[in-house]
Protein backbone atom coordinates (compact mmCIF):
# COMPACT_ATOMS: atom_id res chain seq x y z
CA MET A 1 98.27 217.02 141.60
CA ALA A 2 95.56 214.89 139.22
CA ASP A 3 93.26 217.38 140.52
CA ASP A 4 94.90 220.32 138.58
CA LEU A 5 94.40 217.93 135.40
CA ASP A 6 90.95 217.05 135.94
CA MET A 7 90.07 220.67 135.96
CA LEU A 8 91.86 221.67 132.98
CA ARG A 9 90.18 218.73 131.36
CA ALA A 10 87.13 220.31 131.95
CA SER A 11 87.64 223.30 131.01
CA ILE A 12 89.33 222.82 128.01
CA GLU A 13 86.59 219.97 126.60
CA ALA A 14 83.75 223.16 127.53
CA ALA A 15 85.17 225.55 125.66
CA ILE A 16 85.50 222.31 122.57
CA ALA A 17 81.78 222.01 122.87
CA GLU A 18 80.87 225.96 122.71
CA ALA A 19 83.17 226.16 119.25
CA ALA A 20 80.79 227.22 117.08
CA ASP A 21 82.37 226.94 113.55
CA PRO A 22 86.14 225.60 112.24
CA ARG A 23 87.55 229.00 113.13
CA ALA A 24 87.21 229.07 117.10
CA LEU A 25 87.66 225.39 117.84
CA ASP A 26 91.27 225.92 115.70
CA ALA A 27 91.35 228.40 118.59
CA VAL A 28 90.89 226.08 121.31
CA ARG A 29 93.30 223.95 119.75
CA VAL A 30 96.14 226.59 120.03
CA ALA A 31 95.30 227.64 123.79
CA ALA A 32 95.57 223.96 124.49
CA LEU A 33 98.08 222.37 122.23
CA GLY A 34 99.61 225.50 120.64
CA LYS A 35 103.41 226.25 121.44
CA SER A 36 102.49 228.19 124.59
CA GLY A 37 99.32 226.31 124.96
CA GLU A 38 98.09 225.11 128.53
CA VAL A 39 99.23 221.50 127.81
CA THR A 40 102.15 222.30 126.11
CA ALA A 41 103.28 223.81 129.13
CA LEU A 42 102.75 221.22 131.55
CA LEU A 43 105.04 219.13 129.45
CA LYS A 44 107.33 221.52 129.11
CA GLY A 45 107.37 221.76 133.03
CA LEU A 46 107.92 218.41 133.53
CA GLY A 47 111.99 218.67 133.66
CA ALA A 48 111.28 220.56 136.93
CA LEU A 49 110.19 217.78 138.83
CA PRO A 50 111.75 215.22 141.36
CA PRO A 51 112.38 211.96 139.01
CA GLU A 52 110.24 210.17 141.05
CA GLU A 53 107.05 212.32 140.22
CA ARG A 54 108.45 213.18 136.61
CA LYS A 55 107.75 209.59 135.11
CA ALA A 56 103.49 209.59 136.52
CA ARG A 57 103.08 213.52 135.81
CA GLY A 58 104.05 212.68 132.20
CA ALA A 59 101.69 209.96 131.93
CA GLN A 60 99.25 211.71 133.25
CA VAL A 61 99.56 214.76 130.95
CA ASN A 62 100.10 212.67 127.76
CA VAL A 63 96.79 210.74 128.45
CA LEU A 64 95.07 214.28 128.69
CA LYS A 65 96.96 215.80 125.60
CA GLY A 66 95.46 212.42 123.52
CA GLU A 67 92.10 213.09 124.87
CA ILE A 68 92.23 216.60 123.77
CA GLU A 69 93.32 215.87 120.74
CA ARG A 70 90.26 213.44 120.43
CA ALA A 71 87.89 215.70 121.53
CA LEU A 72 89.07 218.28 118.68
CA GLU A 73 88.92 216.18 115.79
CA ASN A 74 85.71 214.61 116.99
CA ARG A 75 84.05 218.28 117.14
CA ARG A 76 85.53 218.97 113.42
CA VAL A 77 83.94 216.38 112.35
CA THR A 78 80.99 217.54 113.54
CA LEU A 79 81.50 221.10 112.21
CA GLU A 80 81.88 220.05 108.98
CA ALA A 81 78.53 217.95 108.91
CA PHE A 82 76.87 220.66 110.33
CA ALA A 83 78.47 222.92 107.52
CA LEU A 84 77.32 220.37 104.96
CA ASP A 85 73.95 220.05 106.06
CA ALA A 86 73.57 223.69 106.12
CA ARG A 87 74.79 223.71 102.01
CA LEU A 88 72.74 221.05 100.88
CA ALA A 89 69.60 223.18 102.57
CA ALA A 90 70.56 226.32 101.01
CA GLU A 91 71.14 224.71 97.97
CA ARG A 92 68.33 222.19 97.85
CA MET A 93 66.05 222.64 94.18
CA ASP A 94 62.75 220.95 94.19
CA VAL A 95 63.02 218.64 90.53
CA SER A 96 59.40 218.13 91.28
CA LEU A 97 58.28 221.60 90.78
CA PRO A 98 56.27 222.61 87.55
CA PRO A 99 58.03 224.27 84.59
CA ARG A 100 58.38 227.94 84.48
CA PRO A 101 55.17 229.35 82.89
CA PHE A 102 57.13 231.99 81.19
CA ALA A 103 59.98 231.89 78.71
CA PRO A 104 63.75 232.85 80.85
CA THR A 105 65.12 235.43 79.64
CA GLY A 106 68.89 236.61 80.06
CA PRO A 107 72.27 234.62 80.27
CA GLU A 108 70.11 231.17 81.40
CA ALA A 109 67.68 231.52 78.44
CA GLY A 110 67.58 228.60 75.79
CA SER A 111 69.04 228.76 72.69
CA ILE A 112 69.49 226.77 69.46
CA HIS A 113 73.09 225.54 68.41
CA PRO A 114 74.17 226.33 65.25
CA ILE A 115 73.87 223.33 63.65
CA SER A 116 70.51 222.82 64.86
CA ARG A 117 69.32 225.92 63.36
CA THR A 118 70.95 224.65 59.79
CA MET A 119 69.04 221.53 59.83
CA GLU A 120 66.17 223.41 60.67
CA GLU A 121 67.10 226.05 57.36
CA LEU A 122 67.47 222.81 55.21
CA ILE A 123 64.70 220.92 55.80
CA ALA A 124 62.10 224.14 55.27
CA LEU A 125 64.18 225.04 51.90
CA PHE A 126 63.89 221.21 50.78
CA GLY A 127 60.69 220.94 52.02
CA ALA A 128 59.32 223.80 50.00
CA MET A 129 60.86 221.66 46.61
CA GLY A 130 58.97 218.31 47.87
CA PHE A 131 61.55 216.75 49.89
CA ALA A 132 60.74 214.35 52.58
CA VAL A 133 63.25 214.19 55.64
CA ALA A 134 64.82 210.18 55.64
CA GLU A 135 66.90 208.99 58.70
CA GLY A 136 69.10 205.75 59.68
CA PRO A 137 70.96 204.08 62.18
CA ASP A 138 74.47 205.47 62.98
CA ILE A 139 76.08 201.72 62.67
CA GLU A 140 75.75 200.02 59.21
CA GLY A 141 76.82 196.97 58.07
CA ASP A 142 79.45 197.01 55.45
CA TRP A 143 77.72 196.10 52.31
CA HIS A 144 74.64 199.49 52.98
CA ASN A 145 77.65 201.94 53.64
CA PHE A 146 79.94 200.60 51.05
CA SER A 147 79.22 197.90 48.94
CA ALA A 148 76.32 198.54 47.66
CA LEU A 149 77.38 202.19 47.00
CA ASN A 150 79.67 200.81 44.53
CA ILE A 151 82.80 201.32 46.34
CA PRO A 152 85.69 199.26 45.88
CA GLU A 153 87.67 196.99 48.29
CA HIS A 154 90.72 198.96 47.95
CA HIS A 155 88.97 202.31 48.31
CA PRO A 156 90.50 204.18 51.10
CA ALA A 157 87.15 204.99 53.16
CA ARG A 158 87.03 201.50 54.18
CA GLN A 159 90.66 201.27 55.82
CA ASP A 160 90.97 201.54 59.09
CA HIS A 161 93.11 204.42 59.35
CA ASP A 162 90.06 206.45 57.63
CA THR A 163 87.47 204.71 59.08
CA PHE A 164 85.63 203.59 62.98
CA TYR A 165 85.09 199.93 63.07
CA LEU A 166 83.10 197.93 65.70
CA THR A 167 84.67 195.05 67.47
CA ALA A 168 80.79 193.78 68.16
CA PRO A 169 79.84 190.67 65.86
CA PRO A 170 78.95 191.85 62.57
CA SER A 171 74.73 191.80 61.87
CA ALA A 172 74.00 189.75 58.47
CA GLU A 173 73.96 192.69 56.99
CA GLY A 174 77.25 193.40 57.08
CA GLY A 175 78.33 189.98 55.11
CA ALA A 176 80.79 187.41 55.84
CA GLY A 177 84.02 188.32 57.78
CA ARG A 178 82.51 192.16 58.01
CA ARG A 179 83.04 194.46 60.63
CA PRO A 180 80.18 197.00 61.07
CA VAL A 181 81.05 200.42 61.27
CA LEU A 182 79.90 204.23 62.38
CA ARG A 183 78.78 205.22 59.13
CA THR A 184 81.09 207.56 56.83
CA HIS A 185 78.43 209.28 55.14
CA THR A 186 74.95 208.98 55.28
CA SER A 187 74.42 207.68 51.97
CA PRO A 188 73.53 204.25 53.02
CA VAL A 189 70.16 205.94 54.48
CA GLN A 190 69.46 206.40 50.43
CA ILE A 191 70.14 202.45 49.66
CA ARG A 192 67.63 201.72 53.30
CA THR A 193 65.32 204.42 51.55
CA MET A 194 65.44 202.66 48.08
CA LEU A 195 64.90 199.39 49.02
CA THR A 196 61.83 199.71 51.05
CA GLN A 197 60.35 202.73 49.21
CA GLU A 198 58.97 202.69 45.92
CA PRO A 199 59.66 205.60 43.00
CA PRO A 200 59.42 208.19 42.51
CA ILE A 201 61.83 209.78 45.46
CA ARG A 202 62.66 212.74 46.75
CA VAL A 203 64.10 213.22 50.45
CA ILE A 204 67.09 214.63 52.28
CA VAL A 205 69.08 212.62 55.13
CA PRO A 206 70.42 214.67 57.58
CA GLY A 207 72.47 212.99 60.47
CA ARG A 208 75.82 212.71 62.19
CA THR A 209 78.85 210.47 60.23
CA TRP A 210 82.22 209.50 61.12
CA ARG A 211 85.67 209.34 59.96
CA ALA A 212 88.58 209.48 61.58
CA ASP A 213 90.25 213.26 61.27
CA HIS A 214 90.62 216.02 63.47
CA ASP A 215 91.81 219.52 63.03
CA ALA A 216 90.74 223.27 63.02
CA THR A 217 88.47 222.10 60.08
CA HIS A 218 87.64 218.30 60.52
CA SER A 219 86.24 216.65 63.42
CA PRO A 220 85.65 213.29 64.19
CA MET A 221 82.02 213.64 64.30
CA PHE A 222 80.33 215.55 61.97
CA HIS A 223 77.17 216.34 60.34
CA GLN A 224 75.69 215.78 56.33
CA VAL A 225 73.01 216.41 54.37
CA GLU A 226 72.29 214.31 51.75
CA GLY A 227 69.73 214.49 48.83
CA LEU A 228 68.10 211.57 46.31
CA VAL A 229 65.62 211.68 43.98
CA ILE A 230 64.63 208.98 41.74
CA GLY A 231 62.50 209.16 38.77
CA ARG A 232 61.53 208.78 35.31
CA ASP A 233 63.22 210.69 32.93
CA ILE A 234 65.31 212.52 35.68
CA HIS A 235 68.09 214.69 33.81
CA MET A 236 71.57 216.63 34.87
CA GLY A 237 69.17 219.71 34.14
CA HIS A 238 67.15 219.20 37.62
CA LEU A 239 70.47 218.26 39.30
CA LYS A 240 71.68 221.57 38.36
CA GLY A 241 68.43 223.55 39.03
CA THR A 242 67.75 222.11 42.44
CA LEU A 243 71.29 222.95 43.92
CA ILE A 244 71.43 226.67 42.54
CA ASP A 245 67.94 227.69 43.67
CA PHE A 246 68.64 225.75 47.21
CA LEU A 247 72.50 227.53 47.61
CA ARG A 248 71.21 231.24 46.53
CA ALA A 249 68.09 230.69 48.85
CA PHE A 250 70.31 229.70 52.30
CA PHE A 251 73.00 232.13 51.62
CA GLY A 252 70.50 234.68 50.62
CA ILE A 253 72.29 235.99 47.67
CA ALA A 254 69.85 235.88 44.85
CA ASP A 255 72.77 236.14 42.21
CA LEU A 256 74.86 233.70 43.88
CA PRO A 257 77.54 232.30 41.17
CA VAL A 258 77.39 228.75 40.76
CA ARG A 259 79.94 226.00 38.40
CA PHE A 260 79.60 222.66 38.39
CA ARG A 261 82.68 220.92 37.27
CA SER A 262 83.49 217.01 36.64
CA SER A 263 85.10 214.68 39.46
CA TYR A 264 84.51 211.42 40.50
CA PHE A 265 82.32 209.33 42.78
CA PRO A 266 81.72 205.85 43.02
CA PHE A 267 78.33 205.99 43.34
CA THR A 268 77.57 208.85 40.80
CA GLU A 269 77.81 208.90 36.99
CA PRO A 270 78.61 211.50 36.03
CA SER A 271 79.61 213.20 39.14
CA MET A 272 80.41 216.83 40.09
CA GLU A 273 81.84 219.28 42.62
CA VAL A 274 79.87 222.40 42.77
CA ASP A 275 81.82 225.45 43.82
CA ILE A 276 80.07 229.05 44.77
CA GLY A 277 81.59 232.10 43.56
CA TRP A 278 83.85 234.14 46.42
CA SER A 279 86.45 236.44 46.79
CA ARG A 280 89.72 234.44 48.37
CA LYS A 281 90.90 238.07 50.05
CA THR A 282 87.96 238.91 52.02
CA GLY A 283 86.01 236.10 52.11
CA GLU A 284 82.96 237.55 51.03
CA LEU A 285 80.44 235.03 49.38
CA GLY A 286 79.30 236.36 46.04
CA GLN A 287 82.25 238.70 45.02
CA GLY A 288 85.19 238.47 43.67
CA GLY A 289 86.43 236.18 40.81
CA ASP A 290 87.44 233.09 42.91
CA TRP A 291 85.47 229.45 43.16
CA LEU A 292 85.10 227.97 46.82
CA GLU A 293 83.81 223.96 46.64
CA ILE A 294 80.93 223.74 48.48
CA LEU A 295 79.40 220.15 47.82
CA GLY A 296 79.67 217.10 45.82
CA SER A 297 76.92 215.67 43.04
CA GLY A 298 75.91 213.13 40.46
CA MET A 299 73.75 210.96 38.72
CA VAL A 300 72.97 207.77 40.52
CA HIS A 301 75.38 204.97 39.18
CA PRO A 302 73.22 202.49 37.33
CA LYS A 303 75.34 199.79 39.76
CA VAL A 304 73.55 201.65 42.93
CA LEU A 305 70.26 201.46 41.01
CA ALA A 306 70.47 197.73 40.20
CA ASN A 307 72.09 196.97 43.70
CA CYS A 308 68.69 198.31 45.52
CA GLY A 309 66.62 196.51 43.06
CA LEU A 310 65.43 199.13 40.57
CA ASP A 311 66.24 199.06 36.89
CA PRO A 312 68.57 201.87 35.24
CA ARG A 313 66.66 201.42 31.90
CA VAL A 314 63.44 202.78 33.67
CA TRP A 315 64.47 204.97 36.73
CA GLN A 316 67.11 208.06 37.04
CA GLY A 317 68.22 209.70 39.62
CA PHE A 318 71.07 212.17 41.28
CA ALA A 319 71.92 212.32 44.48
CA PHE A 320 73.77 215.47 46.54
CA GLY A 321 76.10 215.92 49.52
CA MET A 322 77.66 218.36 52.04
CA GLY A 323 79.08 218.94 55.56
CA ILE A 324 76.41 220.54 57.64
CA GLU A 325 79.20 222.49 59.58
CA ARG A 326 81.08 223.49 56.91
CA ILE A 327 77.74 225.73 55.28
CA THR A 328 77.05 226.89 59.00
CA MET A 329 81.16 228.12 59.07
CA LEU A 330 80.74 230.15 55.48
CA LYS A 331 76.96 231.50 56.28
CA HIS A 332 77.89 232.43 59.80
CA GLY A 333 81.43 233.49 58.91
CA ILE A 334 83.01 231.19 61.61
CA PRO A 335 86.29 230.13 61.36
CA ASP A 336 87.14 226.86 63.47
CA LEU A 337 85.39 224.06 63.43
CA ARG A 338 86.33 222.93 67.04
CA PRO A 339 84.13 225.52 68.91
CA PHE A 340 80.79 223.73 67.80
CA TYR A 341 81.79 221.20 70.11
CA GLU A 342 83.32 222.61 72.72
CA ALA A 343 80.49 223.93 74.83
CA ASP A 344 81.33 227.74 75.30
CA LEU A 345 78.26 229.65 76.44
CA ARG A 346 80.09 232.66 75.12
CA TRP A 347 80.56 230.69 71.98
CA LEU A 348 76.87 229.66 72.17
CA ARG A 349 75.02 232.71 73.07
CA HIS A 350 76.93 234.63 70.34
CA TYR A 351 76.11 232.22 67.31
CA ALA A 352 72.90 230.32 68.62
CA THR A 353 69.20 231.20 67.71
CA SER A 354 66.38 232.01 70.01
CA PRO A 355 64.45 228.94 70.13
CA LEU A 356 60.95 230.96 69.73
CA SER A 357 62.23 232.05 66.09
CA PRO A 358 62.00 228.93 63.85
CA PHE A 359 63.42 229.17 60.13
CA THR A 360 60.40 230.26 57.60
CA LEU A 361 61.01 230.50 54.18
CA HIS A 362 60.17 233.61 54.59
CA ASP A 363 64.13 234.12 56.15
CA ALA A 364 65.25 233.05 52.99
CA ALA A 365 63.60 235.51 50.82
């Protein structure tokens, strides 16, 4: 009786070996081990055998069943390996190929993020006014980020719930017992510039900053641009003229109303908030009788100048700062801050610009 099992084994193993894909292999499995399968039929027929034959025959059929199950599993693994190899071959990319000799077009074409585009505009506009670009580290010591800027110990910005402090040992610049901090503004670069560069100074400082805040209009990481001018006989008129010319050029509104309001910042004296005219009802800039706060500014505080080794009796200056996301949202009518960082290609294609069209001063005319 073992001869019929050997013939059945050979037949099923041949069918398994010929199965070219998982579907064909499953058909072999069902034909052999399914409810109506050949091996299943043998197991069901054991009850009709004499008791003395049933035990030996059952053992032989169970061995056959186990061998078929192992053969099915081995073939399944082999077919999966074949399928993976075929997929890898089909999706293979030669990263050593040279770059395309032409600019891609269509959905796959690259583009400039709105924030990067705004930075280009800021550099071009302030560059035309004689400003250079200054940069500094994202991780700052306490002195550069707070103390040198005349920010007192009790100021809310120095609290843990508002600022990201690091647990790494502080640098010598941070001061005794001070933790390094993710800079809360780009103002530390102003300090570094005054410490390392002889006046006159005229720089803008675009870059990333961090604060513990997150909602539709705030992000834990965002971008700022600040400006600093240091020279002899610098006065408020220079500050107002610079900012009025910039705002009207950036928003492309020649008669954009600009208002300066008295305010308070530890690092400027006097300090001023800068508002632009807009319509609260329609959101249109330059229209209506409403005002929208756009940036902060002021004359550099004498203590800040002294902290950087500059004599306030000789040198004066002004500074200003604004959020890059904020002015980008206002210029392009973007209602929510969060999509800037969500990498949604549909949003990016709508608001991004071509990498082949850099900003020029003609665009602001």
